C-alpha atoms as a PDB file:
ATOM      1  CA  LEU A   1       6.024  -5.374 277.803  1.00  0.00           C
ATOM      2  CA  LYS A   2       3.873  -2.962 279.710  1.00  0.00           C
ATOM      3  CA  SER A   3       2.836  -5.294 282.516  1.00  0.00           C
ATOM      4  CA  PHE A   4       6.368  -5.797 283.913  1.00  0.00           C
ATOM      5  CA  THR A   5       8.917  -3.002 283.743  1.00  0.00           C
ATOM      6  CA  PHE A   6      12.539  -3.574 284.575  1.00  0.00           C
ATOM      7  CA  ALA A   7      12.113  -1.517 287.755  1.00  0.00           C
ATOM      8  CA  GLN A   8       9.140  -3.663 288.783  1.00  0.00           C
ATOM      9  CA  CYS A   9      11.195  -6.811 288.224  1.00  0.00           C
ATOM     10  CA  HIS A  10      13.936  -5.256 290.347  1.00  0.00           C
ATOM     11  CA  THR A  11      11.483  -4.641 293.203  1.00  0.00           C
ATOM     12  CA  TRP A  12       9.991  -8.125 292.836  1.00  0.00           C
ATOM     13  CA  ALA A  13      13.426  -9.782 292.839  1.00  0.00           C
ATOM     14  CA  VAL A  14      14.577  -7.883 295.905  1.00  0.00           C
ATOM     15  CA  GLY A  15      11.436  -8.868 297.803  1.00  0.00           C
ATOM     16  CA  LEU A  16      11.737 -12.490 296.685  1.00  0.00           C
ATOM     17  CA  ALA A  17      15.402 -12.647 297.666  1.00  0.00           C
ATOM     18  CA  SER A  18      14.530 -11.294 301.112  1.00  0.00           C
ATOM     19  CA  SER A  19      11.780 -13.855 301.644  1.00  0.00           C
ATOM     20  CA  LEU A  20      14.010 -16.696 300.486  1.00  0.00           C
ATOM     21  CA  SER A  21      16.768 -15.541 302.792  1.00  0.00           C
ATOM     22  CA  ALA A  22      14.344 -15.606 305.700  1.00  0.00           C
ATOM     23  CA  MET A  23      13.205 -19.125 304.761  1.00  0.00           C
ATOM     24  CA  ASP A  24      16.738 -20.492 304.664  1.00  0.00           C
ATOM     25  CA  SER A  25      19.362 -18.613 306.648  1.00  0.00           C
ATOM     26  CA  SER A  26      22.028 -21.014 305.392  1.00  0.00           C
ATOM     27  CA  SER A  27      21.749 -19.593 301.880  1.00  0.00           C
ATOM     28  CA  SER A  28      22.172 -16.034 300.723  1.00  0.00           C
ATOM     29  CA  PRO A  29      20.184 -15.562 297.495  1.00  0.00           C
ATOM     30  CA  HIS A  30      21.901 -13.081 295.270  1.00  0.00           C
ATOM     31  CA  ASP A  31      19.798 -10.462 293.481  1.00  0.00           C
ATOM     32  CA  PRO A  32      21.451 -10.037 290.075  1.00  0.00           C
ATOM     33  CA  VAL A  33      19.245  -7.068 289.217  1.00  0.00           C
ATOM     34  CA  ALA A  34      20.555  -5.025 292.124  1.00  0.00           C
ATOM     35  CA  ASP A  35      24.114  -5.395 290.859  1.00  0.00           C
ATOM     36  CA  LEU A  36      23.520  -4.216 287.295  1.00  0.00           C
ATOM     37  CA  PRO A  37      25.935  -1.553 286.081  1.00  0.00           C
ATOM     38  CA  ALA A  38      24.460   1.775 284.968  1.00  0.00           C
ATOM     39  CA  GLN A  39      25.021   0.905 281.311  1.00  0.00           C
ATOM     40  CA  PRO A  40      25.235  -2.891 281.207  1.00  0.00           C
ATOM     41  CA  SER A  41      26.913  -4.832 278.460  1.00  0.00           C
ATOM     42  CA  LYS A  42      27.307  -8.163 280.232  1.00  0.00           C
ATOM     43  CA  VAL A  43      25.771  -9.044 283.565  1.00  0.00           C
ATOM     44  CA  ALA A  44      27.873 -11.056 285.985  1.00  0.00           C
ATOM     45  CA  LYS A  45      25.340 -13.357 287.598  1.00  0.00           C
ATOM     46  CA  GLN A  46      25.807 -15.775 290.456  1.00  0.00           C
ATOM     47  CA  ARG A  47      23.273 -18.510 291.086  1.00  0.00           C
ATOM     48  CA  PRO A  48      22.816 -19.093 294.828  1.00  0.00           C
ATOM     49  CA  PRO A  49      24.102 -22.599 295.556  1.00  0.00           C
ATOM     50  CA  ALA A  50      21.435 -23.436 298.159  1.00  0.00           C
ATOM     51  CA  LEU A  51      18.423 -21.775 296.511  1.00  0.00           C
ATOM     52  CA  ASN A  52      15.295 -23.869 297.012  1.00  0.00           C
ATOM     53  CA  LEU A  53      13.514 -23.298 293.703  1.00  0.00           C
ATOM     54  CA  ASN A  54      10.591 -25.448 294.813  1.00  0.00           C
ATOM     55  CA  ALA A  55       9.891 -23.050 297.695  1.00  0.00           C
ATOM     56  CA  LEU A  56       9.019 -20.061 295.526  1.00  0.00           C
ATOM     57  CA  GLU A  57       5.386 -19.124 295.936  1.00  0.00           C
ATOM     58  CA  VAL A  58       5.069 -15.721 294.262  1.00  0.00           C
ATOM     59  CA  TRP A  59       5.061 -15.210 290.499  1.00  0.00           C
ATOM     60  CA  PRO A  60       3.165 -12.521 288.559  1.00  0.00           C
ATOM     61  CA  GLN A  61       0.461 -13.540 286.122  1.00  0.00           C
ATOM     62  CA  LEU A  62       1.275 -13.398 282.411  1.00  0.00           C
ATOM     63  CA  CYS A  63      -1.372 -10.781 281.561  1.00  0.00           C
ATOM     64  CA  LEU A  64      -1.422 -11.796 277.902  1.00  0.00           C
ATOM     65  CA  GLU A  65      -3.333  -9.569 275.526  1.00  0.00           C
ATOM     66  CA  GLU A  66      -6.571 -10.818 273.998  1.00  0.00           C
ATOM     67  CA  GLU A  67      -5.335 -10.067 270.486  1.00  0.00           C
ATOM     68  CA  GLU A  68      -2.249 -12.240 270.995  1.00  0.00           C
ATOM     69  CA  VAL A  69      -4.442 -15.158 272.014  1.00  0.00           C
ATOM     70  CA  ARG A  70      -6.929 -14.535 269.201  1.00  0.00           C
ATOM     71  CA  ARG A  71      -4.187 -14.599 266.558  1.00  0.00           C
ATOM     72  CA  ALA A  72      -2.748 -17.809 268.007  1.00  0.00           C
ATOM     73  CA  LEU A  73      -6.158 -19.462 267.882  1.00  0.00           C
ATOM     74  CA  ALA A  74      -6.626 -18.343 264.271  1.00  0.00           C
ATOM     75  CA  SER A  75      -3.229 -19.783 263.283  1.00  0.00           C
ATOM     76  CA  LEU A  76      -3.970 -23.100 264.954  1.00  0.00           C
ATOM     77  CA  THR A  77      -7.414 -23.290 263.368  1.00  0.00           C
ATOM     78  CA  GLU A  78      -6.156 -22.506 259.873  1.00  0.00           C
ATOM     79  CA  ARG A  79      -3.242 -24.959 259.927  1.00  0.00           C
ATOM     80  CA  SER A  80      -3.740 -28.048 257.797  1.00  0.00           C
ATOM     81  CA  GLU A  81      -3.860 -31.431 259.473  1.00  0.00           C
ATOM     82  CA  LEU A  82      -0.996 -32.387 257.154  1.00  0.00           C
ATOM     83  CA  LYS A  83       1.227 -29.798 258.838  1.00  0.00           C
ATOM     84  CA  LEU A  84       2.765 -29.997 262.286  1.00  0.00           C
ATOM     85  CA  ARG A  85       4.597 -27.223 264.136  1.00  0.00           C
ATOM     86  CA  VAL A  86       6.656 -28.111 267.219  1.00  0.00           C
ATOM     87  CA  LEU A  87       8.608 -25.822 269.517  1.00  0.00           C
ATOM     88  CA  THR A  88      11.289 -26.773 272.022  1.00  0.00           C
ATOM     89  CA  TRP A  89      12.635 -24.124 274.381  1.00  0.00           C
ATOM     90  CA  ASN A  90      14.712 -24.156 277.558  1.00  0.00           C
ATOM     91  CA  VAL A  91      13.114 -21.247 279.419  1.00  0.00           C
ATOM     92  CA  TRP A  92      15.943 -20.837 282.011  1.00  0.00           C
ATOM     93  CA  PHE A  93      15.122 -21.333 285.671  1.00  0.00           C
ATOM     94  CA  ASP A  94      17.211 -18.343 286.806  1.00  0.00           C
ATOM     95  CA  LEU A  95      15.259 -15.701 288.730  1.00  0.00           C
ATOM     96  CA  PHE A  96      17.021 -12.955 286.777  1.00  0.00           C
ATOM     97  CA  CYS A  97      14.144 -10.821 285.407  1.00  0.00           C
ATOM     98  CA  GLY A  98      12.089 -14.023 285.420  1.00  0.00           C
ATOM     99  CA  PRO A  99       8.542 -12.627 285.015  1.00  0.00           C
ATOM    100  CA  LEU A 100       9.650 -10.162 282.359  1.00  0.00           C
ATOM    101  CA  ARG A 101      11.518 -12.797 280.368  1.00  0.00           C
ATOM    102  CA  GLN A 102       8.833 -15.445 280.606  1.00  0.00           C
ATOM    103  CA  ARG A 103       6.042 -13.137 279.525  1.00  0.00           C
ATOM    104  CA  ALA A 104       8.161 -12.177 276.500  1.00  0.00           C
ATOM    105  CA  LEU A 105       8.756 -15.874 275.829  1.00  0.00           C
ATOM    106  CA  MET A 106       5.051 -16.661 275.954  1.00  0.00           C
ATOM    107  CA  LYS A 107       4.292 -13.763 273.600  1.00  0.00           C
ATOM    108  CA  GLU A 108       6.717 -15.301 271.084  1.00  0.00           C
ATOM    109  CA  LEU A 109       5.216 -18.728 271.645  1.00  0.00           C
ATOM    110  CA  LEU A 110       1.726 -17.441 270.907  1.00  0.00           C
ATOM    111  CA  ALA A 111       2.942 -15.564 267.833  1.00  0.00           C
ATOM    112  CA  ALA A 112       4.425 -18.817 266.488  1.00  0.00           C
ATOM    113  CA  ALA A 113       1.333 -20.816 267.553  1.00  0.00           C
ATOM    114  CA  PRO A 114       2.984 -24.255 267.688  1.00  0.00           C
ATOM    115  CA  ASP A 115       0.801 -27.341 267.763  1.00  0.00           C
ATOM    116  CA  ILE A 116       3.069 -28.635 270.511  1.00  0.00           C
ATOM    117  CA  ALA A 117       5.436 -26.675 272.746  1.00  0.00           C
ATOM    118  CA  CYS A 118       8.027 -28.483 274.854  1.00  0.00           C
ATOM    119  CA  LEU A 119       9.608 -26.389 277.615  1.00  0.00           C
ATOM    120  CA  GLN A 120      12.540 -27.239 279.867  1.00  0.00           C
ATOM    121  CA  GLU A 121      13.748 -25.720 283.169  1.00  0.00           C
ATOM    122  CA  VAL A 122      10.210 -24.725 284.095  1.00  0.00           C
ATOM    123  CA  LEU A 123       9.900 -23.611 287.719  1.00  0.00           C
ATOM    124  CA  PRO A 124       6.893 -24.856 289.711  1.00  0.00           C
ATOM    125  CA  VAL A 125       5.633 -21.280 290.069  1.00  0.00           C
ATOM    126  CA  PHE A 126       5.830 -20.707 286.310  1.00  0.00           C
ATOM    127  CA  ALA A 127       4.026 -24.006 285.667  1.00  0.00           C
ATOM    128  CA  GLN A 128       1.317 -22.896 288.080  1.00  0.00           C
ATOM    129  CA  VAL A 129       0.917 -19.567 286.280  1.00  0.00           C
ATOM    130  CA  LEU A 130       0.530 -21.354 282.944  1.00  0.00           C
ATOM    131  CA  ARG A 131      -1.954 -23.889 284.304  1.00  0.00           C
ATOM    132  CA  GLN A 132      -4.053 -21.128 285.840  1.00  0.00           C
ATOM    133  CA  ASP A 133      -4.078 -18.961 282.714  1.00  0.00           C
ATOM    134  CA  SER A 134      -7.513 -19.442 281.139  1.00  0.00           C
ATOM    135  CA  ALA A 135      -6.393 -18.118 277.749  1.00  0.00           C
ATOM    136  CA  ILE A 136      -3.528 -20.621 277.530  1.00  0.00           C
ATOM    137  CA  CYS A 137      -5.771 -23.440 278.750  1.00  0.00           C
ATOM    138  CA  ASP A 138      -8.337 -22.602 276.073  1.00  0.00           C
ATOM    139  CA  LEU A 139      -5.668 -23.232 273.422  1.00  0.00           C
ATOM    140  CA  TYR A 140      -3.610 -26.039 274.934  1.00  0.00           C
ATOM    141  CA  ASP A 141      -3.747 -29.015 277.230  1.00  0.00           C
ATOM    142  CA  ILE A 142      -0.858 -28.750 279.679  1.00  0.00           C
ATOM    143  CA  SER A 143       1.071 -31.696 281.067  1.00  0.00           C
ATOM    144  CA  PRO A 144       0.148 -32.237 284.744  1.00  0.00           C
ATOM    145  CA  GLN A 145       3.423 -33.843 285.824  1.00  0.00           C
ATOM    146  CA  ASP A 146       5.410 -32.253 288.638  1.00  0.00           C
ATOM    147  CA  VAL A 147       8.260 -30.035 287.411  1.00  0.00           C
ATOM    148  CA  ALA A 148      10.002 -29.508 290.770  1.00  0.00           C
ATOM    149  CA  PRO A 149      12.612 -28.261 291.298  1.00  0.00           C
ATOM    150  CA  HIS A 150      12.671 -27.308 287.607  1.00  0.00           C
ATOM    151  CA  GLY A 151      11.665 -29.600 284.791  1.00  0.00           C
ATOM    152  CA  CYS A 152       9.882 -30.238 281.527  1.00  0.00           C
ATOM    153  CA  LEU A 153       6.376 -29.125 280.642  1.00  0.00           C
ATOM    154  CA  MET A 154       4.355 -29.596 277.449  1.00  0.00           C
ATOM    155  CA  LEU A 155       1.570 -27.584 275.849  1.00  0.00           C
ATOM    156  CA  VAL A 156      -0.374 -29.539 273.230  1.00  0.00           C
ATOM    157  CA  ARG A 157      -3.235 -28.197 271.132  1.00  0.00           C
ATOM    158  CA  LYS A 158      -6.461 -29.558 272.542  1.00  0.00           C
ATOM    159  CA  ASP A 159      -7.777 -31.277 269.418  1.00  0.00           C
ATOM    160  CA  LEU A 160      -4.746 -33.599 269.404  1.00  0.00           C
ATOM    161  CA  GLN A 161      -6.296 -35.098 272.565  1.00  0.00           C
ATOM    162  CA  PRO A 162      -2.943 -35.803 274.217  1.00  0.00           C
ATOM    163  CA  GLN A 163      -2.381 -38.411 276.867  1.00  0.00           C
ATOM    164  CA  PHE A 164       0.594 -37.312 278.963  1.00  0.00           C
ATOM    165  CA  GLY A 165       3.077 -39.559 280.682  1.00  0.00           C
ATOM    166  CA  SER A 166       6.614 -39.585 282.016  1.00  0.00           C
ATOM    167  CA  GLN A 167       9.441 -42.038 282.476  1.00  0.00           C
ATOM    168  CA  SER A 168      12.307 -41.749 284.910  1.00  0.00           C
ATOM    169  CA  LEU A 169      15.772 -41.715 283.389  1.00  0.00           C
ATOM    170  CA  PRO A 170      19.175 -42.738 284.754  1.00  0.00           C
ATOM    171  CA  SER A 171      20.198 -39.468 286.388  1.00  0.00           C
ATOM    172  CA  ASN A 172      21.934 -37.821 289.305  1.00  0.00           C
ATOM    173  CA  MET A 173      19.860 -34.700 288.649  1.00  0.00           C
ATOM    174  CA  GLY A 174      16.330 -36.093 288.720  1.00  0.00           C
ATOM    175  CA  ARG A 175      15.876 -35.953 284.937  1.00  0.00           C
ATOM    176  CA  SER A 176      12.950 -37.709 283.255  1.00  0.00           C
ATOM    177  CA  LEU A 177      11.354 -38.103 279.850  1.00  0.00           C
ATOM    178  CA  LEU A 178       8.018 -36.319 279.428  1.00  0.00           C
ATOM    179  CA  PHE A 179       5.790 -37.388 276.555  1.00  0.00           C
ATOM    180  CA  ALA A 180       2.390 -36.987 274.933  1.00  0.00           C
ATOM    181  CA  GLU A 181       0.604 -39.581 272.816  1.00  0.00           C
ATOM    182  CA  CYS A 182      -2.061 -38.084 270.575  1.00  0.00           C
ATOM    183  CA  ALA A 183      -5.447 -39.737 270.111  1.00  0.00           C
ATOM    184  CA  ALA A 184      -6.887 -37.423 267.436  1.00  0.00           C
ATOM    185  CA  ARG A 185      -5.970 -35.175 264.502  1.00  0.00           C
ATOM    186  CA  ARG A 186      -2.615 -36.986 264.163  1.00  0.00           C
ATOM    187  CA  THR A 187      -3.587 -40.253 265.795  1.00  0.00           C
ATOM    188  CA  GLY A 188      -0.560 -42.148 267.071  1.00  0.00           C
ATOM    189  CA  LEU A 189       1.743 -39.122 267.071  1.00  0.00           C
ATOM    190  CA  PHE A 190       4.170 -39.495 269.972  1.00  0.00           C
ATOM    191  CA  VAL A 191       6.204 -36.500 271.112  1.00  0.00           C
ATOM    192  CA  ALA A 192       8.762 -36.690 273.919  1.00  0.00           C
ATOM    193  CA  THR A 193      10.864 -33.990 275.492  1.00  0.00           C
ATOM    194  CA  VAL A 194      13.890 -34.216 277.712  1.00  0.00           C
ATOM    195  CA  HIS A 195      16.566 -32.182 279.439  1.00  0.00           C
ATOM    196  CA  LEU A 196      19.554 -34.488 279.267  1.00  0.00           C
ATOM    197  CA  GLU A 197      22.067 -34.537 282.120  1.00  0.00           C
ATOM    198  CA  SER A 198      24.028 -31.316 282.465  1.00  0.00           C
ATOM    199  CA  LEU A 199      27.758 -30.754 282.723  1.00  0.00           C
ATOM    200  CA  ASN A 200      30.455 -33.310 281.880  1.00  0.00           C
ATOM    201  CA  CYS A 201      28.249 -36.412 281.881  1.00  0.00           C
ATOM    202  CA  PRO A 202      28.358 -37.956 278.388  1.00  0.00           C
ATOM    203  CA  ALA A 203      27.993 -41.517 279.702  1.00  0.00           C
ATOM    204  CA  VAL A 204      24.811 -40.614 281.592  1.00  0.00           C
ATOM    205  CA  ARG A 205      23.408 -38.782 278.580  1.00  0.00           C
ATOM    206  CA  ARG A 206      23.993 -41.898 276.473  1.00  0.00           C
ATOM    207  CA  GLN A 207      22.094 -44.001 279.013  1.00  0.00           C
ATOM    208  CA  GLN A 208      19.270 -41.472 278.996  1.00  0.00           C
ATOM    209  CA  LEU A 209      19.042 -41.531 275.198  1.00  0.00           C
ATOM    210  CA  GLN A 210      19.074 -45.324 275.223  1.00  0.00           C
ATOM    211  CA  ALA A 211      16.163 -45.343 277.677  1.00  0.00           C
ATOM    212  CA  ALA A 212      14.303 -42.852 275.498  1.00  0.00           C
ATOM    213  CA  ALA A 213      15.010 -44.923 272.366  1.00  0.00           C
ATOM    214  CA  SER A 214      13.451 -48.007 273.979  1.00  0.00           C
ATOM    215  CA  LEU A 215      10.210 -46.088 274.374  1.00  0.00           C
ATOM    216  CA  LEU A 216      10.329 -44.273 271.036  1.00  0.00           C
ATOM    217  CA  GLU A 217      10.750 -47.500 269.077  1.00  0.00           C
ATOM    218  CA  LEU A 218       7.256 -48.530 270.215  1.00  0.00           C
ATOM    219  CA  HIS A 219       5.798 -45.531 268.384  1.00  0.00           C
ATOM    220  CA  PRO A 220       6.502 -45.345 264.630  1.00  0.00           C
ATOM    221  CA  MET A 221       5.425 -41.684 264.329  1.00  0.00           C
ATOM    222  CA  SER A 222       7.560 -40.038 266.980  1.00  0.00           C
ATOM    223  CA  ILE A 223       9.555 -36.934 267.814  1.00  0.00           C
ATOM    224  CA  ILE A 224      12.081 -36.333 270.564  1.00  0.00           C
ATOM    225  CA  CYS A 225      13.237 -32.828 271.378  1.00  0.00           C
ATOM    226  CA  GLY A 226      14.751 -30.747 274.136  1.00  0.00           C
ATOM    227  CA  ASP A 227      18.035 -29.601 275.611  1.00  0.00           C
ATOM    228  CA  PHE A 228      20.533 -32.353 274.785  1.00  0.00           C
ATOM    229  CA  ASN A 229      23.487 -30.552 276.418  1.00  0.00           C
ATOM    230  CA  PHE A 230      25.998 -31.311 273.649  1.00  0.00           C
ATOM    231  CA  ASP A 231      26.913 -29.723 270.332  1.00  0.00           C
ATOM    232  CA  ASP A 232      27.327 -31.343 266.925  1.00  0.00           C
ATOM    233  CA  THR A 233      30.663 -29.749 265.961  1.00  0.00           C
ATOM    234  CA  GLN A 234      32.614 -29.270 269.190  1.00  0.00           C
ATOM    235  CA  THR A 235      32.988 -30.266 272.815  1.00  0.00           C
ATOM    236  CA  TRP A 236      32.190 -27.913 275.664  1.00  0.00           C
ATOM    237  CA  GLY A 237      35.238 -25.783 276.477  1.00  0.00           C
ATOM    238  CA  ASP A 238      36.934 -26.190 273.085  1.00  0.00           C
ATOM    239  CA  TRP A 239      36.958 -22.411 272.718  1.00  0.00           C
ATOM    240  CA  ARG A 240      39.300 -22.198 275.708  1.00  0.00           C
ATOM    241  CA  LYS A 241      41.828 -24.648 274.304  1.00  0.00           C
ATOM    242  CA  PRO A 242      44.450 -24.363 271.550  1.00  0.00           C
ATOM    243  CA  ALA A 243      42.978 -27.372 269.740  1.00  0.00           C
ATOM    244  CA  PRO A 244      39.682 -29.306 269.863  1.00  0.00           C
ATOM    245  CA  GLN A 245      39.506 -32.016 272.528  1.00  0.00           C
ATOM    246  CA  PHE A 246      38.072 -34.552 270.068  1.00  0.00           C
ATOM    247  CA  GLY A 247      37.951 -34.998 266.327  1.00  0.00           C
ATOM    248  CA  PRO A 248      34.645 -35.367 264.459  1.00  0.00           C
ATOM    249  CA  GLU A 249      34.706 -39.154 264.814  1.00  0.00           C
ATOM    250  CA  ALA A 250      34.823 -38.909 268.627  1.00  0.00           C
ATOM    251  CA  LEU A 251      32.294 -36.129 269.267  1.00  0.00           C
ATOM    252  CA  GLU A 252      29.495 -36.917 271.687  1.00  0.00           C
ATOM    253  CA  ASN A 253      27.014 -35.997 268.970  1.00  0.00           C
ATOM    254  CA  ASN A 254      27.730 -39.358 267.320  1.00  0.00           C
ATOM    255  CA  VAL A 255      25.600 -40.975 270.028  1.00  0.00           C
ATOM    256  CA  LEU A 256      22.528 -39.842 268.118  1.00  0.00           C
ATOM    257  CA  ARG A 257      23.486 -41.873 265.066  1.00  0.00           C
ATOM    258  CA  GLU A 258      24.308 -44.866 267.251  1.00  0.00           C
ATOM    259  CA  VAL A 259      21.287 -44.809 269.582  1.00  0.00           C
ATOM    260  CA  LEU A 260      18.639 -43.167 267.371  1.00  0.00           C
ATOM    261  CA  PRO A 261      19.673 -44.220 263.842  1.00  0.00           C
ATOM    262  CA  SER A 262      16.155 -43.884 262.415  1.00  0.00           C
ATOM    263  CA  PHE A 263      15.766 -40.251 263.510  1.00  0.00           C
ATOM    264  CA  ARG A 264      16.863 -37.153 261.618  1.00  0.00           C
ATOM    265  CA  ASP A 265      18.093 -33.928 263.174  1.00  0.00           C
ATOM    266  CA  SER A 266      15.612 -31.357 261.890  1.00  0.00           C
ATOM    267  CA  TRP A 267      17.911 -28.338 261.919  1.00  0.00           C
ATOM    268  CA  CYS A 268      20.630 -30.138 259.951  1.00  0.00           C
ATOM    269  CA  PHE A 269      18.065 -31.446 257.500  1.00  0.00           C
ATOM    270  CA  VAL A 270      16.615 -27.994 256.802  1.00  0.00           C
ATOM    271  CA  HIS A 271      19.775 -25.881 257.218  1.00  0.00           C
ATOM    272  CA  PRO A 272      22.774 -28.161 256.518  1.00  0.00           C
ATOM    273  CA  SER A 273      25.230 -25.262 256.213  1.00  0.00           C
ATOM    274  CA  GLU A 274      23.995 -23.067 259.089  1.00  0.00           C
ATOM    275  CA  PRO A 275      25.303 -23.488 262.666  1.00  0.00           C
ATOM    276  CA  GLY A 276      21.968 -22.918 264.437  1.00  0.00           C
ATOM    277  CA  LYS A 277      23.522 -22.144 267.812  1.00  0.00           C
ATOM    278  CA  THR A 278      20.775 -22.169 270.436  1.00  0.00           C
ATOM    279  CA  PHE A 279      23.047 -21.119 273.314  1.00  0.00           C
ATOM    280  CA  ASP A 280      25.108 -18.175 272.156  1.00  0.00           C
ATOM    281  CA  GLY A 281      27.119 -15.975 274.481  1.00  0.00           C
ATOM    282  CA  GLU A 282      28.064 -13.675 271.636  1.00  0.00           C
ATOM    283  CA  ALA A 283      24.482 -12.993 270.532  1.00  0.00           C
ATOM    284  CA  ASN A 284      22.979 -13.213 274.044  1.00  0.00           C
ATOM    285  CA  PRO A 285      25.557 -11.674 276.414  1.00  0.00           C
ATOM    286  CA  ILE A 286      23.077 -10.561 279.085  1.00  0.00           C
ATOM    287  CA  CYS A 287      21.833 -14.088 279.795  1.00  0.00           C
ATOM    288  CA  VAL A 288      24.939 -16.128 278.927  1.00  0.00           C
ATOM    289  CA  LEU A 289      27.963 -15.486 281.118  1.00  0.00           C
ATOM    290  CA  ASP A 290      30.674 -16.803 278.771  1.00  0.00           C
ATOM    291  CA  GLY A 291      30.644 -14.812 275.538  1.00  0.00           C
ATOM    292  CA  CYS A 292      32.641 -17.525 273.779  1.00  0.00           C
ATOM    293  CA  GLU A 293      30.206 -20.338 274.555  1.00  0.00           C
ATOM    294  CA  ARG A 294      28.265 -20.859 271.331  1.00  0.00           C
ATOM    295  CA  MET A 295      26.631 -24.305 271.203  1.00  0.00           C
ATOM    296  CA  ARG A 296      23.733 -26.080 269.473  1.00  0.00           C
ATOM    297  CA  TYR A 297      22.398 -27.761 272.585  1.00  0.00           C
ATOM    298  CA  ASP A 298      18.740 -27.837 271.605  1.00  0.00           C
ATOM    299  CA  ARG A 299      17.476 -30.398 269.095  1.00  0.00           C
ATOM    300  CA  LEU A 300      14.354 -31.771 267.503  1.00  0.00           C
ATOM    301  CA  LEU A 301      14.639 -35.241 265.982  1.00  0.00           C
ATOM    302  CA  ALA A 302      11.834 -36.797 263.937  1.00  0.00           C
ATOM    303  CA  SER A 303      11.540 -40.460 263.041  1.00  0.00           C
ATOM    304  CA  MET A 304      12.250 -41.174 259.387  1.00  0.00           C
ATOM    305  CA  GLY A 305       9.833 -43.313 257.415  1.00  0.00           C
ATOM    306  CA  SER A 306       6.872 -42.081 259.473  1.00  0.00           C
ATOM    307  CA  GLY A 307       5.780 -39.329 257.120  1.00  0.00           C
ATOM    308  CA  LEU A 308       7.231 -36.632 259.384  1.00  0.00           C
ATOM    309  CA  GLN A 309       9.571 -34.550 257.244  1.00  0.00           C
ATOM    310  CA  PRO A 310      11.005 -31.239 258.495  1.00  0.00           C
ATOM    311  CA  THR A 311      10.338 -28.412 256.055  1.00  0.00           C
ATOM    312  CA  ALA A 312      11.323 -25.313 258.041  1.00  0.00           C
ATOM    313  CA  ALA A 313      13.265 -24.494 261.191  1.00  0.00           C
ATOM    314  CA  GLU A 314      13.998 -21.220 262.925  1.00  0.00           C
ATOM    315  CA  LEU A 315      15.257 -19.869 266.212  1.00  0.00           C
ATOM    316  CA  LEU A 316      12.996 -17.892 268.535  1.00  0.00           C
ATOM    317  CA  GLY A 317      13.963 -15.452 271.264  1.00  0.00           C
ATOM    318  CA  THR A 318      16.800 -13.887 269.273  1.00  0.00           C
ATOM    319  CA  THR A 319      15.513 -10.310 269.503  1.00  0.00           C
ATOM    320  CA  ASP A 320      15.754  -8.057 272.527  1.00  0.00           C
ATOM    321  CA  ILE A 321      12.853  -7.579 274.905  1.00  0.00           C
ATOM    322  CA  GLU A 322      11.534  -4.014 274.873  1.00  0.00           C
ATOM    323  CA  CYS A 323      12.588  -2.937 278.347  1.00  0.00           C
ATOM    324  CA  GLU A 324      15.062  -0.709 280.146  1.00  0.00           C
ATOM    325  CA  LEU A 325      17.798  -3.365 280.105  1.00  0.00           C
ATOM    326  CA  ALA A 326      19.244  -3.231 276.608  1.00  0.00           C
ATOM    327  CA  GLY A 327      19.998  -6.652 275.151  1.00  0.00           C
ATOM    328  CA  LEU A 328      17.816  -8.712 277.489  1.00  0.00           C
ATOM    329  CA  LYS A 329      16.340 -11.780 275.782  1.00  0.00           C
ATOM    330  CA  PRO A 330      13.649 -14.236 276.943  1.00  0.00           C
ATOM    331  CA  SER A 331      16.078 -16.985 277.968  1.00  0.00           C
ATOM    332  CA  ASP A 332      19.698 -18.043 277.937  1.00  0.00           C
ATOM    333  CA  HIS A 333      18.653 -20.512 275.219  1.00  0.00           C
ATOM    334  CA  PHE A 334      16.976 -19.681 271.943  1.00  0.00           C
ATOM    335  CA  GLY A 335      13.846 -21.604 271.103  1.00  0.00           C
ATOM    336  CA  LEU A 336      13.831 -24.056 268.196  1.00  0.00           C
ATOM    337  CA  LEU A 337      10.673 -23.984 266.077  1.00  0.00           C
ATOM    338  CA  VAL A 338      10.244 -26.712 263.450  1.00  0.00           C
ATOM    339  CA  ASP A 339       7.562 -27.202 260.815  1.00  0.00           C
ATOM    340  CA  LEU A 340       7.001 -30.727 259.565  1.00  0.00           C
ATOM    341  CA  ASP A 341       4.934 -32.225 256.769  1.00  0.00           C
ATOM    342  CA  ALA A 342       2.910 -35.123 258.115  1.00  0.00           C
ATOM    343  CA  THR A 343       1.951 -36.834 254.887  1.00  0.00           C
ATOM    344  CA  CYS A 344       2.071 -40.513 255.820  1.00  0.00           C
ATOM    345  CA  SER A 345      -1.164 -42.012 254.453  1.00  0.00           C
ATOM    346  CA  SER A 346      -1.255 -44.679 257.154  1.00  0.00           C
ATOM    347  CA  CYS A 347      -0.790 -42.212 260.041  1.00  0.00           C
END
């Protein structure tokens, strides 16, 4: 990534931390880059508790290469209308090497050329950079909804003619459901993305999924994806305990069968015997603090009986960024890319 070197990110982060400190003397933004060991293996990061993410005003442009954009356009143009490719990716709001990571993430996104990309934890400054990037805007319509302090954003190929909307969810963290209803190419396709409540809030997450289900049931050809904040085989913190906290019959993941019974989990459908961990401290130790935290937080569920059948699924962002910091990846989450056959004759 020639546009942003690690040293440049270091300088940028130091300057940003200084400006933030001046804006709010009550908080002391910590620059994780400045504290890197000479030969890092894991980076101990501390997120400043009073950091005002909505106050950031400086973010470098993506500086994407013309060839990357050209190949993405070719892939989108050549894809059959009976095929649909959807990406969900939590891009991580942390300032740690932010411009470097997010340019790498967008390079992978363009290489995959999804029809629809659903991003979570998007900072307002990153949303602004995307919306001002003419190359991205030539390929995709971008959801206009406010993402502050960090939220969901969608990129939808232009010939789907998306109509964007959002719905507030029960939340103590300002979470909402972002969606796009398509008026062409796959008329009636409804795709929603969400970042369900974080931390130990299973009851709130259930309420959020119930609210989403009430909207999804109005749209027979629908997809919901995003960071669900629970795993399908374990409960957060099980790796620290001598025995699992809950058996399979009591896992939070069962809420999907109860609240969204007509939807199938794409990863499980395509790879029933593979774990598909999208948050993996063992494989991603630079961005994930706890090396034992290995969870499948990120999901893509497609409605059954609508002609949307998952045919392929893979993780993005699993390889290291080419930079001075060995092991750095685009986000603390891996992206989930799913191909679907859209063969319903009535769709």
